[in-house]
Full PDB file with SEQRES, HELIX, SHEET, SSBOND, CRYST1, ORIGX, SCALE, CONECT and MASTER records, all heavy atoms in Angstrom:
SEQRES   1 A   36  HIS VAL TYR LEU TRP LYS TYR ASN ASN SER LEU ALA ASP          
SEQRES   2 A   36  LEU PHE PHE LYS GLY VAL CYS TYR ASP ILE ASN GLN VAL          
SEQRES   3 A   36  VAL ARG GLU LEU TYR ILE ASN HIS SER ASN                      
HELIX    1 AA1 VAL A    2  LEU A    4  5                                   3    
HELIX    2 AA2 TRP A    5  ASN A    8  1                                   4    
HELIX    3 AA3 ILE A   23  SER A   35  1                                  13    
CRYST1    1.000    1.000    1.000  90.00  90.00  90.00 P 1           1          
ORIGX1      1.000000  0.000000  0.000000        0.00000                         
ORIGX2      0.000000  1.000000  0.000000        0.00000                         
ORIGX3      0.000000  0.000000  1.000000        0.00000                         
SCALE1      1.000000  0.000000  0.000000        0.00000                         
SCALE2      0.000000  1.000000  0.000000        0.00000                         
SCALE3      0.000000  0.000000  1.000000        0.00000                         
ATOM      1  N   HIS A   1     -20.932  52.542  13.356  1.00  0.00           N  
ATOM      2  CA  HIS A   1     -21.880  51.533  13.832  1.00  0.00           C  
ATOM      3  C   HIS A   1     -22.325  51.956  15.219  1.00  0.00           C  
ATOM      4  O   HIS A   1     -21.603  52.653  15.939  1.00  0.00           O  
ATOM      5  CB  HIS A   1     -21.195  50.158  13.879  1.00  0.00           C  
ATOM      6  CG  HIS A   1     -22.136  49.035  14.125  1.00  0.00           C  
ATOM      7  ND1 HIS A   1     -22.537  48.682  15.395  1.00  0.00           N  
ATOM      8  CD2 HIS A   1     -22.752  48.177  13.275  1.00  0.00           C  
ATOM      9  CE1 HIS A   1     -23.360  47.646  15.310  1.00  0.00           C  
ATOM     10  NE2 HIS A   1     -23.513  47.325  14.039  1.00  0.00           N  
ATOM     11  N   VAL A   2     -23.507  51.535  15.624  1.00  0.00           N  
ATOM     12  CA  VAL A   2     -24.046  51.892  16.935  1.00  0.00           C  
ATOM     13  C   VAL A   2     -23.084  51.499  18.060  1.00  0.00           C  
ATOM     14  O   VAL A   2     -22.977  52.208  19.060  1.00  0.00           O  
ATOM     15  CB  VAL A   2     -25.456  51.285  17.131  1.00  0.00           C  
ATOM     16  CG1 VAL A   2     -25.414  49.772  17.134  1.00  0.00           C  
ATOM     17  CG2 VAL A   2     -26.110  51.798  18.381  1.00  0.00           C  
ATOM     18  N   TYR A   3     -22.348  50.405  17.909  1.00  0.00           N  
ATOM     19  CA  TYR A   3     -21.393  49.987  18.947  1.00  0.00           C  
ATOM     20  C   TYR A   3     -20.211  50.947  19.076  1.00  0.00           C  
ATOM     21  O   TYR A   3     -19.510  50.933  20.082  1.00  0.00           O  
ATOM     22  CB  TYR A   3     -20.858  48.587  18.676  1.00  0.00           C  
ATOM     23  CG  TYR A   3     -21.879  47.477  18.788  1.00  0.00           C  
ATOM     24  CD1 TYR A   3     -21.737  46.316  18.048  1.00  0.00           C  
ATOM     25  CD2 TYR A   3     -22.975  47.574  19.632  1.00  0.00           C  
ATOM     26  CE1 TYR A   3     -22.662  45.288  18.144  1.00  0.00           C  
ATOM     27  CE2 TYR A   3     -23.909  46.552  19.732  1.00  0.00           C  
ATOM     28  CZ  TYR A   3     -23.746  45.413  18.991  1.00  0.00           C  
ATOM     29  OH  TYR A   3     -24.652  44.393  19.083  1.00  0.00           O  
ATOM     30  N   LEU A   4     -19.982  51.778  18.076  1.00  0.00           N  
ATOM     31  CA  LEU A   4     -18.856  52.723  18.102  1.00  0.00           C  
ATOM     32  C   LEU A   4     -19.229  54.092  18.664  1.00  0.00           C  
ATOM     33  O   LEU A   4     -18.350  54.895  18.951  1.00  0.00           O  
ATOM     34  CB  LEU A   4     -18.290  52.900  16.690  1.00  0.00           C  
ATOM     35  CG  LEU A   4     -17.605  51.683  16.095  1.00  0.00           C  
ATOM     36  CD1 LEU A   4     -17.292  51.932  14.627  1.00  0.00           C  
ATOM     37  CD2 LEU A   4     -16.357  51.335  16.873  1.00  0.00           C  
ATOM     38  N   TRP A   5     -20.517  54.377  18.794  1.00  0.00           N  
ATOM     39  CA  TRP A   5     -20.946  55.718  19.180  1.00  0.00           C  
ATOM     40  C   TRP A   5     -20.342  56.174  20.497  1.00  0.00           C  
ATOM     41  O   TRP A   5     -19.954  57.323  20.637  1.00  0.00           O  
ATOM     42  CB  TRP A   5     -22.462  55.808  19.235  1.00  0.00           C  
ATOM     43  CG  TRP A   5     -23.125  55.717  17.899  1.00  0.00           C  
ATOM     44  CD1 TRP A   5     -22.515  55.773  16.664  1.00  0.00           C  
ATOM     45  CD2 TRP A   5     -24.505  55.549  17.643  1.00  0.00           C  
ATOM     46  NE1 TRP A   5     -23.444  55.642  15.669  1.00  0.00           N  
ATOM     47  CE2 TRP A   5     -24.684  55.502  16.238  1.00  0.00           C  
ATOM     48  CE3 TRP A   5     -25.617  55.427  18.458  1.00  0.00           C  
ATOM     49  CZ2 TRP A   5     -25.913  55.357  15.647  1.00  0.00           C  
ATOM     50  CZ3 TRP A   5     -26.861  55.274  17.858  1.00  0.00           C  
ATOM     51  CH2 TRP A   5     -27.002  55.240  16.474  1.00  0.00           C  
ATOM     52  N   LYS A   6     -20.248  55.306  21.477  1.00  0.00           N  
ATOM     53  CA  LYS A   6     -19.732  55.745  22.779  1.00  0.00           C  
ATOM     54  C   LYS A   6     -18.224  56.003  22.753  1.00  0.00           C  
ATOM     55  O   LYS A   6     -17.696  56.592  23.675  1.00  0.00           O  
ATOM     56  CB  LYS A   6     -20.103  54.767  23.885  1.00  0.00           C  
ATOM     57  CG  LYS A   6     -19.366  53.468  23.893  1.00  0.00           C  
ATOM     58  CD  LYS A   6     -19.847  52.649  25.084  1.00  0.00           C  
ATOM     59  CE  LYS A   6     -19.124  51.324  25.198  1.00  0.00           C  
ATOM     60  NZ  LYS A   6     -19.625  50.549  26.306  1.00  0.00           N  
ATOM     61  N   TYR A   7     -17.556  55.569  21.706  1.00  0.00           N  
ATOM     62  CA  TYR A   7     -16.114  55.795  21.590  1.00  0.00           C  
ATOM     63  C   TYR A   7     -15.769  56.940  20.651  1.00  0.00           C  
ATOM     64  O   TYR A   7     -14.792  57.649  20.869  1.00  0.00           O  
ATOM     65  CB  TYR A   7     -15.421  54.514  21.107  1.00  0.00           C  
ATOM     66  CG  TYR A   7     -15.668  53.353  22.024  1.00  0.00           C  
ATOM     67  CD1 TYR A   7     -16.580  52.360  21.695  1.00  0.00           C  
ATOM     68  CD2 TYR A   7     -15.017  53.275  23.248  1.00  0.00           C  
ATOM     69  CE1 TYR A   7     -16.814  51.299  22.558  1.00  0.00           C  
ATOM     70  CE2 TYR A   7     -15.257  52.223  24.118  1.00  0.00           C  
ATOM     71  CZ  TYR A   7     -16.156  51.245  23.759  1.00  0.00           C  
ATOM     72  OH  TYR A   7     -16.406  50.209  24.618  1.00  0.00           O  
ATOM     73  N   ASN A   8     -16.548  57.111  19.596  1.00  0.00           N  
ATOM     74  CA  ASN A   8     -16.213  58.088  18.562  1.00  0.00           C  
ATOM     75  C   ASN A   8     -17.058  59.357  18.587  1.00  0.00           C  
ATOM     76  O   ASN A   8     -16.821  60.256  17.803  1.00  0.00           O  
ATOM     77  CB  ASN A   8     -16.328  57.438  17.173  1.00  0.00           C  
ATOM     78  CG  ASN A   8     -15.284  56.355  16.958  1.00  0.00           C  
ATOM     79  OD1 ASN A   8     -14.285  56.297  17.652  1.00  0.00           O  
ATOM     80  ND2 ASN A   8     -15.531  55.488  16.004  1.00  0.00           N  
ATOM     81  N   ASN A   9     -18.053  59.444  19.460  1.00  0.00           N  
ATOM     82  CA  ASN A   9     -18.934  60.610  19.521  1.00  0.00           C  
ATOM     83  C   ASN A   9     -18.876  61.254  20.897  1.00  0.00           C  
ATOM     84  O   ASN A   9     -18.415  60.643  21.865  1.00  0.00           O  
ATOM     85  CB  ASN A   9     -20.387  60.205  19.229  1.00  0.00           C  
ATOM     86  CG  ASN A   9     -20.565  59.681  17.819  1.00  0.00           C  
ATOM     87  OD1 ASN A   9     -19.797  59.988  16.930  1.00  0.00           O  
ATOM     88  ND2 ASN A   9     -21.581  58.869  17.617  1.00  0.00           N  
ATOM     89  N   SER A  10     -19.402  62.463  20.975  1.00  0.00           N  
ATOM     90  CA  SER A  10     -19.513  63.129  22.274  1.00  0.00           C  
ATOM     91  C   SER A  10     -20.471  62.359  23.162  1.00  0.00           C  
ATOM     92  O   SER A  10     -21.407  61.721  22.688  1.00  0.00           O  
ATOM     93  CB  SER A  10     -20.051  64.549  22.097  1.00  0.00           C  
ATOM     94  OG  SER A  10     -19.093  65.351  21.461  1.00  0.00           O  
ATOM     95  N   LEU A  11     -20.232  62.444  24.450  1.00  0.00           N  
ATOM     96  CA  LEU A  11     -21.112  61.835  25.440  1.00  0.00           C  
ATOM     97  C   LEU A  11     -21.902  62.934  26.127  1.00  0.00           C  
ATOM     98  O   LEU A  11     -21.494  64.096  26.124  1.00  0.00           O  
ATOM     99  CB  LEU A  11     -20.296  61.041  26.454  1.00  0.00           C  
ATOM    100  CG  LEU A  11     -19.447  59.914  25.858  1.00  0.00           C  
ATOM    101  CD1 LEU A  11     -18.592  59.262  26.932  1.00  0.00           C  
ATOM    102  CD2 LEU A  11     -20.308  58.879  25.162  1.00  0.00           C  
ATOM    103  N   ALA A  12     -23.025  62.570  26.730  1.00  0.00           N  
ATOM    104  CA  ALA A  12     -23.869  63.589  27.355  1.00  0.00           C  
ATOM    105  C   ALA A  12     -24.690  62.983  28.488  1.00  0.00           C  
ATOM    106  O   ALA A  12     -24.919  61.771  28.534  1.00  0.00           O  
ATOM    107  CB  ALA A  12     -24.805  64.214  26.312  1.00  0.00           C  
ATOM    108  N   ASP A  13     -25.125  63.861  29.388  1.00  0.00           N  
ATOM    109  CA  ASP A  13     -26.071  63.518  30.444  1.00  0.00           C  
ATOM    110  C   ASP A  13     -27.362  64.275  30.162  1.00  0.00           C  
ATOM    111  O   ASP A  13     -27.331  65.434  29.743  1.00  0.00           O  
ATOM    112  CB  ASP A  13     -25.555  63.954  31.819  1.00  0.00           C  
ATOM    113  CG  ASP A  13     -24.346  63.176  32.288  1.00  0.00           C  
ATOM    114  OD1 ASP A  13     -24.066  62.098  31.717  1.00  0.00           O  
ATOM    115  OD2 ASP A  13     -23.677  63.629  33.228  1.00  0.00           O  
ATOM    116  N   LEU A  14     -28.491  63.620  30.404  1.00  0.00           N  
ATOM    117  CA  LEU A  14     -29.797  64.242  30.220  1.00  0.00           C  
ATOM    118  C   LEU A  14     -30.488  64.325  31.574  1.00  0.00           C  
ATOM    119  O   LEU A  14     -30.682  63.307  32.245  1.00  0.00           O  
ATOM    120  CB  LEU A  14     -30.667  63.422  29.255  1.00  0.00           C  
ATOM    121  CG  LEU A  14     -32.134  63.849  29.119  1.00  0.00           C  
ATOM    122  CD1 LEU A  14     -32.247  65.277  28.588  1.00  0.00           C  
ATOM    123  CD2 LEU A  14     -32.877  62.875  28.219  1.00  0.00           C  
ATOM    124  N   PHE A  15     -30.824  65.553  31.971  1.00  0.00           N  
ATOM    125  CA  PHE A  15     -31.566  65.794  33.212  1.00  0.00           C  
ATOM    126  C   PHE A  15     -32.985  66.210  32.825  1.00  0.00           C  
ATOM    127  O   PHE A  15     -33.202  66.832  31.791  1.00  0.00           O  
ATOM    128  CB  PHE A  15     -30.888  66.892  34.036  1.00  0.00           C  
ATOM    129  CG  PHE A  15     -29.541  66.458  34.558  1.00  0.00           C  
ATOM    130  CD1 PHE A  15     -28.392  66.628  33.801  1.00  0.00           C  
ATOM    131  CD2 PHE A  15     -29.432  65.875  35.812  1.00  0.00           C  
ATOM    132  CE1 PHE A  15     -27.158  66.219  34.276  1.00  0.00           C  
ATOM    133  CE2 PHE A  15     -28.206  65.462  36.296  1.00  0.00           C  
ATOM    134  CZ  PHE A  15     -27.062  65.637  35.524  1.00  0.00           C  
ATOM    135  N   PHE A  16     -33.946  65.865  33.684  1.00  0.00           N  
ATOM    136  CA  PHE A  16     -35.341  66.199  33.390  1.00  0.00           C  
ATOM    137  C   PHE A  16     -36.026  66.687  34.661  1.00  0.00           C  
ATOM    138  O   PHE A  16     -35.575  66.440  35.777  1.00  0.00           O  
ATOM    139  CB  PHE A  16     -36.076  64.981  32.823  1.00  0.00           C  
ATOM    140  CG  PHE A  16     -36.442  63.939  33.852  1.00  0.00           C  
ATOM    141  CD1 PHE A  16     -37.768  63.747  34.217  1.00  0.00           C  
ATOM    142  CD2 PHE A  16     -35.478  63.149  34.453  1.00  0.00           C  
ATOM    143  CE1 PHE A  16     -38.118  62.799  35.156  1.00  0.00           C  
ATOM    144  CE2 PHE A  16     -35.822  62.184  35.390  1.00  0.00           C  
ATOM    145  CZ  PHE A  16     -37.147  62.005  35.753  1.00  0.00           C  
ATOM    146  N   LYS A  17     -37.127  67.412  34.442  1.00  0.00           N  
ATOM    147  CA  LYS A  17     -37.945  67.882  35.552  1.00  0.00           C  
ATOM    148  C   LYS A  17     -39.360  68.055  35.051  1.00  0.00           C  
ATOM    149  O   LYS A  17     -39.582  68.546  33.944  1.00  0.00           O  
ATOM    150  CB  LYS A  17     -37.408  69.208  36.097  1.00  0.00           C  
ATOM    151  CG  LYS A  17     -38.159  69.684  37.320  1.00  0.00           C  
ATOM    152  CD  LYS A  17     -37.516  70.914  37.922  1.00  0.00           C  
ATOM    153  CE  LYS A  17     -38.273  71.256  39.189  1.00  0.00           C  
ATOM    154  NZ  LYS A  17     -37.503  72.028  40.115  1.00  0.00           N  
ATOM    155  N   GLY A  18     -40.324  67.630  35.860  1.00  0.00           N  
ATOM    156  CA  GLY A  18     -41.707  67.832  35.480  1.00  0.00           C  
ATOM    157  C   GLY A  18     -42.578  66.645  35.830  1.00  0.00           C  
ATOM    158  O   GLY A  18     -42.142  65.659  36.406  1.00  0.00           O  
ATOM    159  N   VAL A  19     -43.844  66.789  35.445  1.00  0.00           N  
ATOM    160  CA  VAL A  19     -44.852  65.762  35.706  1.00  0.00           C  
ATOM    161  C   VAL A  19     -45.509  65.407  34.389  1.00  0.00           C  
ATOM    162  O   VAL A  19     -45.785  66.270  33.565  1.00  0.00           O  
ATOM    163  CB  VAL A  19     -45.912  66.286  36.699  1.00  0.00           C  
ATOM    164  CG1 VAL A  19     -46.999  65.259  36.914  1.00  0.00           C  
ATOM    165  CG2 VAL A  19     -45.263  66.683  38.014  1.00  0.00           C  
ATOM    166  N   CYS A  20     -45.766  64.130  34.204  1.00  0.00           N  
ATOM    167  CA  CYS A  20     -46.442  63.660  33.004  1.00  0.00           C  
ATOM    168  C   CYS A  20     -47.703  62.923  33.424  1.00  0.00           C  
ATOM    169  O   CYS A  20     -47.694  62.142  34.376  1.00  0.00           O  
ATOM    170  CB  CYS A  20     -45.519  62.727  32.229  1.00  0.00           C  
ATOM    171  SG  CYS A  20     -46.292  62.008  30.796  1.00  0.00           S  
ATOM    172  N   TYR A  21     -48.776  63.162  32.703  1.00  0.00           N  
ATOM    173  CA  TYR A  21     -50.049  62.552  33.049  1.00  0.00           C  
ATOM    174  C   TYR A  21     -50.300  61.241  32.317  1.00  0.00           C  
ATOM    175  O   TYR A  21     -51.209  60.505  32.673  1.00  0.00           O  
ATOM    176  CB  TYR A  21     -51.184  63.548  32.813  1.00  0.00           C  
ATOM    177  CG  TYR A  21     -50.985  64.771  33.681  1.00  0.00           C  
ATOM    178  CD1 TYR A  21     -50.526  65.965  33.139  1.00  0.00           C  
ATOM    179  CD2 TYR A  21     -51.197  64.702  35.056  1.00  0.00           C  
ATOM    180  CE1 TYR A  21     -50.316  67.078  33.946  1.00  0.00           C  
ATOM    181  CE2 TYR A  21     -50.985  65.806  35.870  1.00  0.00           C  
ATOM    182  CZ  TYR A  21     -50.547  66.989  35.309  1.00  0.00           C  
ATOM    183  OH  TYR A  21     -50.323  68.068  36.116  1.00  0.00           O  
ATOM    184  N   ASP A  22     -49.488  60.953  31.298  1.00  0.00           N  
ATOM    185  CA  ASP A  22     -49.637  59.683  30.592  1.00  0.00           C  
ATOM    186  C   ASP A  22     -48.261  59.019  30.473  1.00  0.00           C  
ATOM    187  O   ASP A  22     -47.640  59.010  29.408  1.00  0.00           O  
ATOM    188  CB  ASP A  22     -50.267  59.897  29.213  1.00  0.00           C  
ATOM    189  CG  ASP A  22     -50.670  58.581  28.542  1.00  0.00           C  
ATOM    190  OD1 ASP A  22     -50.412  57.489  29.119  1.00  0.00           O  
ATOM    191  OD2 ASP A  22     -51.244  58.639  27.436  1.00  0.00           O  
ATOM    192  N   ILE A  23     -47.810  58.476  31.587  1.00  0.00           N  
ATOM    193  CA  ILE A  23     -46.475  57.873  31.628  1.00  0.00           C  
ATOM    194  C   ILE A  23     -46.370  56.695  30.677  1.00  0.00           C  
ATOM    195  O   ILE A  23     -45.324  56.490  30.053  1.00  0.00           O  
ATOM    196  CB  ILE A  23     -46.106  57.483  33.081  1.00  0.00           C  
ATOM    197  CG1 ILE A  23     -45.808  58.753  33.874  1.00  0.00           C  
ATOM    198  CG2 ILE A  23     -44.929  56.520  33.114  1.00  0.00           C  
ATOM    199  CD1 ILE A  23     -45.398  58.543  35.298  1.00  0.00           C  
ATOM    200  N   ASN A  24     -47.438  55.920  30.522  1.00  0.00           N  
ATOM    201  CA  ASN A  24     -47.384  54.776  29.606  1.00  0.00           C  
ATOM    202  C   ASN A  24     -47.094  55.219  28.171  1.00  0.00           C  
ATOM    203  O   ASN A  24     -46.351  54.550  27.449  1.00  0.00           O  
ATOM    204  CB  ASN A  24     -48.680  53.968  29.659  1.00  0.00           C  
ATOM    205  CG  ASN A  24     -48.833  53.239  30.976  1.00  0.00           C  
ATOM    206  OD1 ASN A  24     -47.846  52.891  31.617  1.00  0.00           O  
ATOM    207  ND2 ASN A  24     -50.074  53.016  31.388  1.00  0.00           N  
ATOM    208  N   GLN A  25     -47.658  56.352  27.767  1.00  0.00           N  
ATOM    209  CA  GLN A  25     -47.380  56.895  26.430  1.00  0.00           C  
ATOM    210  C   GLN A  25     -45.911  57.289  26.308  1.00  0.00           C  
ATOM    211  O   GLN A  25     -45.276  57.011  25.299  1.00  0.00           O  
ATOM    212  CB  GLN A  25     -48.285  58.113  26.149  1.00  0.00           C  
ATOM    213  CG  GLN A  25     -48.006  58.815  24.832  1.00  0.00           C  
ATOM    214  CD  GLN A  25     -48.292  57.950  23.616  1.00  0.00           C  
ATOM    215  OE1 GLN A  25     -49.138  57.062  23.648  1.00  0.00           O  
ATOM    216  NE2 GLN A  25     -47.575  58.204  22.543  1.00  0.00           N  
ATOM    217  N   VAL A  26     -45.365  57.916  27.334  1.00  0.00           N  
ATOM    218  CA  VAL A  26     -43.951  58.326  27.318  1.00  0.00           C  
ATOM    219  C   VAL A  26     -43.061  57.091  27.226  1.00  0.00           C  
ATOM    220  O   VAL A  26     -42.104  57.058  26.447  1.00  0.00           O  
ATOM    221  CB  VAL A  26     -43.601  59.168  28.564  1.00  0.00           C  
ATOM    222  CG1 VAL A  26     -42.117  59.504  28.590  1.00  0.00           C  
ATOM    223  CG2 VAL A  26     -44.436  60.434  28.601  1.00  0.00           C  
ATOM    224  N   VAL A  27     -43.361  56.072  28.018  1.00  0.00           N  
ATOM    225  CA  VAL A  27     -42.574  54.839  28.003  1.00  0.00           C  
ATOM    226  C   VAL A  27     -42.602  54.213  26.607  1.00  0.00           C  
ATOM    227  O   VAL A  27     -41.558  53.827  26.068  1.00  0.00           O  
ATOM    228  CB  VAL A  27     -43.092  53.840  29.069  1.00  0.00           C  
ATOM    229  CG1 VAL A  27     -42.470  52.460  28.891  1.00  0.00           C  
ATOM    230  CG2 VAL A  27     -42.825  54.374  30.473  1.00  0.00           C  
ATOM    231  N   ARG A  28     -43.785  54.135  25.991  1.00  0.00           N  
ATOM    232  CA  ARG A  28     -43.913  53.593  24.633  1.00  0.00           C  
ATOM    233  C   ARG A  28     -43.060  54.382  23.646  1.00  0.00           C  
ATOM    234  O   ARG A  28     -42.300  53.811  22.865  1.00  0.00           O  
ATOM    235  CB  ARG A  28     -45.374  53.638  24.176  1.00  0.00           C  
ATOM    236  CG  ARG A  28     -46.142  52.364  24.347  1.00  0.00           C  
ATOM    237  CD  ARG A  28     -47.495  52.391  23.637  1.00  0.00           C  
ATOM    238  NE  ARG A  28     -48.330  53.546  23.959  1.00  0.00           N  
ATOM    239  CZ  ARG A  28     -49.103  53.648  25.036  1.00  0.00           C  
ATOM    240  NH1 ARG A  28     -49.155  52.663  25.905  1.00  0.00           N  
ATOM    241  NH2 ARG A  28     -49.827  54.723  25.248  1.00  0.00           N  
ATOM    242  N   GLU A  29     -43.193  55.700  23.679  1.00  0.00           N  
ATOM    243  CA  GLU A  29     -42.444  56.546  22.745  1.00  0.00           C  
ATOM    244  C   GLU A  29     -40.934  56.405  22.957  1.00  0.00           C  
ATOM    245  O   GLU A  29     -40.172  56.372  21.995  1.00  0.00           O  
ATOM    246  CB  GLU A  29     -42.862  58.006  22.898  1.00  0.00           C  
ATOM    247  CG  GLU A  29     -44.232  58.316  22.347  1.00  0.00           C  
ATOM    248  CD  GLU A  29     -44.621  59.777  22.503  1.00  0.00           C  
ATOM    249  OE1 GLU A  29     -43.715  60.646  22.472  1.00  0.00           O  
ATOM    250  OE2 GLU A  29     -45.822  60.057  22.663  1.00  0.00           O  
ATOM    251  N   LEU A  30     -40.520  56.350  24.214  1.00  0.00           N  
ATOM    252  CA  LEU A  30     -39.086  56.190  24.497  1.00  0.00           C  
ATOM    253  C   LEU A  30     -38.561  54.885  23.907  1.00  0.00           C  
ATOM    254  O   LEU A  30     -37.529  54.871  23.219  1.00  0.00           O  
ATOM    255  CB  LEU A  30     -38.817  56.237  25.997  1.00  0.00           C  
ATOM    256  CG  LEU A  30     -38.805  57.624  26.630  1.00  0.00           C  
ATOM    257  CD1 LEU A  30     -38.907  57.523  28.148  1.00  0.00           C  
ATOM    258  CD2 LEU A  30     -37.549  58.387  26.224  1.00  0.00           C  
ATOM    259  N   TYR A  31     -39.252  53.784  24.168  1.00  0.00           N  
ATOM    260  CA  TYR A  31     -38.796  52.493  23.656  1.00  0.00           C  
ATOM    261  C   TYR A  31     -38.791  52.447  22.136  1.00  0.00           C  
ATOM    262  O   TYR A  31     -37.827  51.972  21.522  1.00  0.00           O  
ATOM    263  CB  TYR A  31     -39.628  51.340  24.224  1.00  0.00           C  
ATOM    264  CG  TYR A  31     -39.132  50.882  25.571  1.00  0.00           C  
ATOM    265  CD1 TYR A  31     -39.833  51.186  26.727  1.00  0.00           C  
ATOM    266  CD2 TYR A  31     -37.948  50.155  25.700  1.00  0.00           C  
ATOM    267  CE1 TYR A  31     -39.380  50.771  27.973  1.00  0.00           C  
ATOM    268  CE2 TYR A  31     -37.488  49.739  26.937  1.00  0.00           C  
ATOM    269  CZ  TYR A  31     -38.205  50.046  28.070  1.00  0.00           C  
ATOM    270  OH  TYR A  31     -37.744  49.644  29.286  1.00  0.00           O  
ATOM    271  N   ILE A  32     -39.846  52.949  21.511  1.00  0.00           N  
ATOM    272  CA  ILE A  32     -39.926  52.918  20.046  1.00  0.00           C  
ATOM    273  C   ILE A  32     -38.837  53.780  19.422  1.00  0.00           C  
ATOM    274  O   ILE A  32     -38.112  53.333  18.520  1.00  0.00           O  
ATOM    275  CB  ILE A  32     -41.327  53.372  19.568  1.00  0.00           C  
ATOM    276  CG1 ILE A  32     -42.361  52.293  19.911  1.00  0.00           C  
ATOM    277  CG2 ILE A  32     -41.338  53.672  18.067  1.00  0.00           C  
ATOM    278  CD1 ILE A  32     -43.803  52.742  19.741  1.00  0.00           C  
ATOM    279  N   ASN A  33     -38.698  55.021  19.884  1.00  0.00           N  
ATOM    280  CA  ASN A  33     -37.700  55.929  19.300  1.00  0.00           C  
ATOM    281  C   ASN A  33     -36.273  55.455  19.558  1.00  0.00           C  
ATOM    282  O   ASN A  33     -35.414  55.537  18.680  1.00  0.00           O  
ATOM    283  CB  ASN A  33     -37.912  57.349  19.815  1.00  0.00           C  
ATOM    284  CG  ASN A  33     -39.123  57.997  19.177  1.00  0.00           C  
ATOM    285  OD1 ASN A  33     -39.087  58.392  18.024  1.00  0.00           O  
ATOM    286  ND2 ASN A  33     -40.221  58.069  19.917  1.00  0.00           N  
ATOM    287  N   HIS A  34     -36.026  54.977  20.767  1.00  0.00           N  
ATOM    288  CA  HIS A  34     -34.681  54.469  21.081  1.00  0.00           C  
ATOM    289  C   HIS A  34     -34.358  53.262  20.200  1.00  0.00           C  
ATOM    290  O   HIS A  34     -33.288  53.193  19.589  1.00  0.00           O  
ATOM    291  CB  HIS A  34     -34.581  54.082  22.564  1.00  0.00           C  
ATOM    292  CG  HIS A  34     -33.250  53.503  22.917  1.00  0.00           C  
ATOM    293  ND1 HIS A  34     -32.200  54.277  23.338  1.00  0.00           N  
ATOM    294  CD2 HIS A  34     -32.786  52.230  22.884  1.00  0.00           C  
ATOM    295  CE1 HIS A  34     -31.151  53.504  23.558  1.00  0.00           C  
ATOM    296  NE2 HIS A  34     -31.488  52.262  23.291  1.00  0.00           N  
ATOM    297  N   SER A  35     -35.277  52.315  20.130  1.00  0.00           N  
ATOM    298  CA  SER A  35     -35.048  51.101  19.338  1.00  0.00           C  
ATOM    299  C   SER A  35     -34.817  51.431  17.870  1.00  0.00           C  
ATOM    300  O   SER A  35     -33.949  50.841  17.221  1.00  0.00           O  
ATOM    301  CB  SER A  35     -36.232  50.151  19.490  1.00  0.00           C  
ATOM    302  OG  SER A  35     -35.985  48.963  18.795  1.00  0.00           O  
ATOM    303  N   ASN A  36     -35.577  52.375  17.335  1.00  0.00           N  
ATOM    304  CA  ASN A  36     -35.376  52.790  15.945  1.00  0.00           C  
ATOM    305  C   ASN A  36     -33.998  53.399  15.744  1.00  0.00           C  
ATOM    306  O   ASN A  36     -33.337  53.148  14.733  1.00  0.00           O  
ATOM    307  CB  ASN A  36     -36.454  53.774  15.508  1.00  0.00           C  
ATOM    308  CG  ASN A  36     -37.807  53.110  15.325  1.00  0.00           C  
ATOM    309  OD1 ASN A  36     -37.902  51.894  15.187  1.00  0.00           O  
ATOM    310  ND2 ASN A  36     -38.863  53.907  15.341  1.00  0.00           N  
TER     311      ASN A  36                                                      
MASTER        0    0    0    3    0    0    0    6  310    1    0    3          
END                                                                             
């Protein structure tokens, strides 16, 4: 179950670098993909 992932799976850190010209699109995609 999603509530078990932080206990039974590997953990990770995500680092990023760069510039995006359509931040609103990135925010939308992040929320939709994460929620799914």
